[in-house]
Each structure stands twice: as structure tokens, then as C-alpha cells.
Protein backbone atom coordinates (compact mmCIF):
# COMPACT_ATOMS: atom_id res chain seq x y z
CA MET A 1 -70.55 -28.05 -173.38
CA THR A 2 -72.82 -30.78 -174.77
CA ARG A 3 -72.98 -28.94 -178.07
CA LEU A 4 -69.16 -28.94 -178.26
CA LEU A 5 -69.09 -32.70 -177.52
CA PHE A 6 -71.71 -33.30 -180.22
CA VAL A 7 -69.67 -31.29 -182.77
CA LEU A 8 -66.47 -33.18 -181.85
CA ALA A 9 -68.23 -36.55 -182.12
CA ALA A 10 -69.68 -35.63 -185.52
CA LEU A 11 -66.27 -34.43 -186.71
CA ALA A 12 -64.70 -37.70 -185.57
CA LEU A 13 -67.23 -39.65 -187.62
CA VAL A 14 -66.42 -37.61 -190.73
CA VAL A 15 -62.62 -37.78 -190.29
CA ALA A 16 -62.39 -41.46 -189.24
CA PRO A 17 -63.05 -43.00 -192.68
CA ALA A 18 -60.29 -40.88 -194.21
CA ARG A 19 -57.72 -42.23 -191.72
CA ALA A 20 -55.74 -45.27 -192.85
CA ASP A 21 -55.72 -48.47 -190.80
CA ASP A 22 -53.05 -49.26 -188.20
CA VAL A 23 -51.07 -51.47 -190.58
CA THR A 24 -50.68 -48.89 -193.33
CA ASP A 25 -50.01 -46.19 -190.72
CA GLN A 26 -47.10 -48.24 -189.39
CA ILE A 27 -45.78 -49.01 -192.87
CA ASP A 28 -45.88 -45.29 -193.70
CA ALA A 29 -44.13 -44.52 -190.40
CA ALA A 30 -41.46 -47.09 -191.27
CA LYS A 31 -40.92 -45.45 -194.67
CA ARG A 32 -40.53 -42.03 -193.05
CA ALA A 33 -38.16 -43.37 -190.39
CA TYR A 34 -36.08 -45.24 -192.97
CA SER A 35 -35.86 -42.15 -195.19
CA ALA A 36 -34.74 -40.15 -192.15
CA GLY A 37 -32.01 -42.69 -191.43
CA ASP A 38 -33.64 -44.10 -188.28
CA GLU A 39 -33.49 -47.80 -189.11
CA GLN A 40 -34.37 -48.95 -185.58
CA VAL A 41 -37.69 -47.06 -185.60
CA ALA A 42 -38.36 -48.37 -189.12
CA ILE A 43 -37.81 -51.96 -187.94
CA GLN A 44 -40.09 -51.47 -184.92
CA ALA A 45 -42.86 -49.97 -187.09
CA LEU A 46 -42.61 -52.86 -189.58
CA GLN A 47 -42.64 -55.43 -186.76
CA PHE A 48 -45.81 -53.82 -185.43
CA ALA A 49 -47.39 -53.95 -188.90
CA ILE A 50 -46.45 -57.63 -189.23
CA ALA A 51 -47.93 -58.40 -185.81
CA GLN A 52 -51.18 -56.63 -186.78
CA ILE A 53 -51.41 -58.56 -190.06
CA GLN A 54 -50.77 -61.85 -188.24
CA GLU A 55 -53.49 -60.97 -185.72
CA GLN A 56 -55.95 -60.29 -188.57
CA LEU A 57 -55.07 -63.59 -190.27
CA GLN A 58 -55.45 -65.50 -187.03
CA ALA A 59 -58.91 -64.01 -186.43
CA GLU A 60 -59.95 -65.01 -189.98
CA GLN A 61 -58.58 -68.52 -189.52
CA LEU A 62 -60.33 -69.02 -186.18
CA GLY A 63 -63.56 -68.14 -187.98
CA LEU A 64 -63.15 -71.42 -189.91
CA LEU A 65 -64.09 -73.36 -186.78
CA PRO A 66 -67.85 -73.84 -186.57
CA GLU A 67 -70.24 -72.37 -184.06
CA PRO A 68 -71.77 -74.86 -181.61
CA LEU A 69 -74.68 -76.94 -182.81
CA PRO A 70 -78.06 -76.33 -181.13
CA GLY A 71 -77.96 -77.59 -177.53
CA TRP A 72 -74.16 -77.37 -177.37
CA SER A 73 -71.79 -74.77 -175.90
CA ALA A 74 -68.25 -74.07 -177.07
CA ASP A 75 -64.94 -72.98 -175.66
CA ALA A 76 -63.17 -70.10 -177.35
CA PRO A 77 -61.34 -71.19 -180.52
CA VAL A 78 -57.58 -71.51 -180.15
CA SER A 79 -54.85 -71.03 -182.74
CA ASP A 80 -51.32 -72.32 -182.56
CA ALA A 81 -50.15 -70.86 -185.83
CA GLY A 82 -47.00 -68.92 -185.31
CA GLY A 83 -43.42 -68.86 -184.21
CA ILE A 84 -40.73 -71.51 -184.47
CA ALA A 85 -43.14 -74.30 -183.51
CA ALA A 86 -45.14 -73.69 -186.70
CA MET A 87 -42.16 -74.97 -188.72
CA PHE A 88 -42.75 -78.38 -187.14
CA THR A 89 -46.49 -78.40 -186.50
CA GLY A 90 -47.93 -76.10 -189.16
CA THR A 91 -51.06 -74.12 -188.43
CA ASN A 92 -53.35 -75.64 -185.81
CA LEU A 93 -56.87 -74.43 -185.03
CA VAL A 94 -58.91 -76.12 -182.29
CA ARG A 95 -62.31 -75.65 -180.68
CA THR A 96 -64.04 -77.84 -178.11
CA TYR A 97 -67.81 -78.20 -177.85
CA ARG A 98 -69.73 -79.53 -174.84
CA LYS A 99 -73.18 -80.72 -173.86
CA ASP A 100 -74.70 -80.75 -170.40
CA ASP A 101 -74.84 -84.56 -170.42
CA GLY A 102 -71.01 -84.73 -170.52
CA ALA A 103 -70.64 -85.35 -174.25
CA SER A 104 -67.87 -83.44 -175.99
CA VAL A 105 -66.55 -82.87 -179.49
CA SER A 106 -63.27 -81.30 -180.53
CA VAL A 107 -62.75 -79.95 -184.04
CA SER A 108 -59.16 -79.38 -185.09
CA ILE A 109 -57.79 -78.16 -188.39
CA THR A 110 -54.10 -78.62 -189.21
CA ALA A 111 -52.42 -77.11 -192.26
CA ASP A 112 -48.90 -77.44 -193.61
CA SER A 113 -47.63 -79.80 -190.94
CA PRO A 114 -44.65 -81.93 -191.96
CA LEU A 115 -46.14 -84.60 -189.68
CA LEU A 116 -49.43 -84.70 -191.60
CA SER A 117 -48.62 -87.65 -193.87
CA MET A 118 -47.14 -89.66 -191.01
CA LEU A 119 -50.21 -89.10 -188.81
CA THR A 120 -52.52 -90.09 -191.63
CA THR A 121 -50.57 -93.29 -192.27
CA LEU A 122 -50.69 -94.18 -188.58
CA MET A 123 -54.43 -93.56 -188.45
CA GLN A 124 -55.06 -95.80 -191.44
CA ALA A 125 -52.93 -98.56 -189.93
CA SER A 126 -55.19 -98.85 -186.87
CA PRO A 127 -57.49 -101.90 -186.95
CA SER A 128 -60.39 -99.80 -185.61
CA THR A 129 -60.49 -97.45 -188.61
CA THR A 130 -62.66 -97.68 -191.70
CA PRO A 131 -62.29 -95.66 -194.91
CA TYR A 132 -64.47 -92.58 -195.01
CA THR A 133 -65.34 -89.97 -197.66
CA HIS A 134 -67.10 -86.62 -197.38
CA ASP A 135 -67.72 -84.20 -200.25
CA GLY A 136 -65.12 -86.05 -202.32
CA TYR A 137 -62.41 -85.84 -199.64
CA ARG A 138 -60.93 -89.03 -198.26
CA GLY A 139 -60.37 -89.93 -194.65
CA VAL A 140 -60.95 -92.49 -191.94
CA LEU A 141 -63.54 -93.05 -189.25
CA GLU A 142 -62.62 -94.62 -185.94
CA MET A 143 -65.30 -95.73 -183.47
CA HIS A 144 -64.44 -97.35 -180.12
CA GLN A 145 -66.51 -99.37 -177.67
CA ASP A 146 -65.68 -96.91 -174.87
CA GLY A 147 -67.71 -94.16 -176.57
CA THR A 148 -64.80 -92.28 -178.10
CA SER A 149 -64.66 -91.67 -181.82
CA ARG A 150 -62.61 -89.83 -184.39
CA LEU A 151 -63.18 -88.70 -187.92
CA LEU A 152 -60.11 -87.66 -189.90
CA LEU A 153 -60.41 -86.02 -193.30
CA LEU A 154 -57.74 -84.80 -195.72
CA VAL A 155 -58.57 -81.64 -197.63
CA GLY A 156 -56.20 -81.52 -200.57
CA THR A 157 -52.74 -82.69 -199.57
CA ARG A 158 -51.87 -80.09 -196.93
CA ILE A 159 -54.89 -79.80 -194.62
CA GLN A 160 -56.32 -82.26 -192.12
CA VAL A 161 -59.67 -81.85 -190.38
CA GLN A 162 -60.17 -83.98 -187.30
CA VAL A 163 -63.41 -84.29 -185.36
CA GLU A 164 -63.04 -86.22 -182.09
CA GLY A 165 -65.90 -87.10 -179.81
CA SER A 166 -66.63 -88.60 -176.46
CA GLY A 167 -70.12 -89.83 -175.71
CA VAL A 168 -71.39 -88.95 -179.19
CA ASP A 169 -72.61 -90.93 -182.17
CA ARG A 170 -71.39 -90.88 -185.76
CA GLN A 171 -74.16 -88.44 -186.80
CA THR A 172 -72.90 -85.84 -184.29
CA LEU A 173 -69.34 -86.15 -185.61
CA GLU A 174 -70.63 -85.75 -189.16
CA ALA A 175 -72.78 -82.75 -188.18
CA TYR A 176 -69.71 -80.96 -186.85
CA LEU A 177 -67.72 -81.94 -189.92
CA GLU A 178 -70.53 -80.61 -192.10
CA ALA A 179 -70.39 -77.31 -190.17
CA VAL A 180 -66.75 -76.81 -191.21
CA LYS A 181 -66.61 -74.86 -194.48
CA LEU A 182 -64.26 -77.23 -196.29
CA ASP A 183 -64.33 -75.19 -199.50
CA ARG A 184 -62.85 -72.17 -197.65
CA LEU A 185 -60.00 -74.02 -195.92
CA GLU A 186 -57.41 -74.06 -198.69
CA GLU A 187 -57.85 -70.40 -199.56
CA ALA A 188 -57.87 -69.26 -195.93
CA LEU A 189 -54.99 -71.39 -194.69
CA LEU A 190 -52.73 -71.80 -197.68
CA GLY A 191 -53.31 -68.54 -199.53
């Protein structure tokens, strides 16, 4: 019996690489169903393929959010990048980081939001902001007496990176900003 299981496991390892992935399997199934005149099955197979592709893209995009700095922990990254709401808000990626002393930092990346230019204008209009640049990108830095702070950076014209902190100094905000791979954002989020 164990020999049979070993042979089946070895066979599975040999056959697995030859098998296509779930997306192409569903696209092929949709082609077959469409050719057979079963449009409803073709639609369902294509919808499944689309959902799988969106899931893959979302996982790649969430990977843009940095890992916690030493001494910090992090919540799971969150994406709000699909559906009807995306027409109004664009793609939003967020991750919150915490320290045992109560300090927290939130990194959010927004792409293709129609509200982006309005938010940037409002941020610059605040008397507590100062101009800020990082790696040639422009933004603003906002530090408050109550220990809250915000760093807002525009990457190109369609992506905003925001690092907000509570109970942290400017160096911590900048360390989290530095951990974001700015050079990968446009390709990963805008294609």
C-alpha cells in the first residue's frame, strides 16, 4: 500500500508541471463551452478566470506595502481595489504597524483616484504642512503638537503614498516611506 502511495505521489509530481494553471484552464473551458453553444457556462468560466486574475493582481499589489521595521508588528495588508467603489476611490492599499509602547504608523497607497488632486490641494492648504521631497518626488510633511504626523508623497501624477503616525518622530515616518519601493509602484498599480 505504501509503495502504491509513493508511486502515485511521484506520478503527481511529474504530471503537475504539465498541467496549466487555473486561469488558462477556465479560459480553455470557456472556449469549449462557447464552441458547443453553451454561452452561460462560457460566461461563468470567464468570470472565474477574471476573479483569479484579480486575486493574483491584488496579492502582488499588497506586496508593495512594506514589512514591519525591527521592533514593530503589522496588521495584515488590506486592499480596496475593486468593484464600483474603485471608480470613485481608485486602488487603495493600507497596512498598519504597531509598537508595544502604543506608537503606530499607517502606510497607504492610493492610485487612480479622481479625488487625488483635491486631497493634495487640501493638504497643501493646511498651515501645519511644509513642502517635502523624497527621491525626486514632491509632497508635504505635517507634524502636530499632539504627536500625530503625516507624510504625503505624489509618485507621478496618479499615485499617492501617505505615511501617518501617532507617537512617532519624523525619522520613523521616513523609515517607513523608505521601505516602500517607490520605483515599483507605477508599474505594479498602473500597468
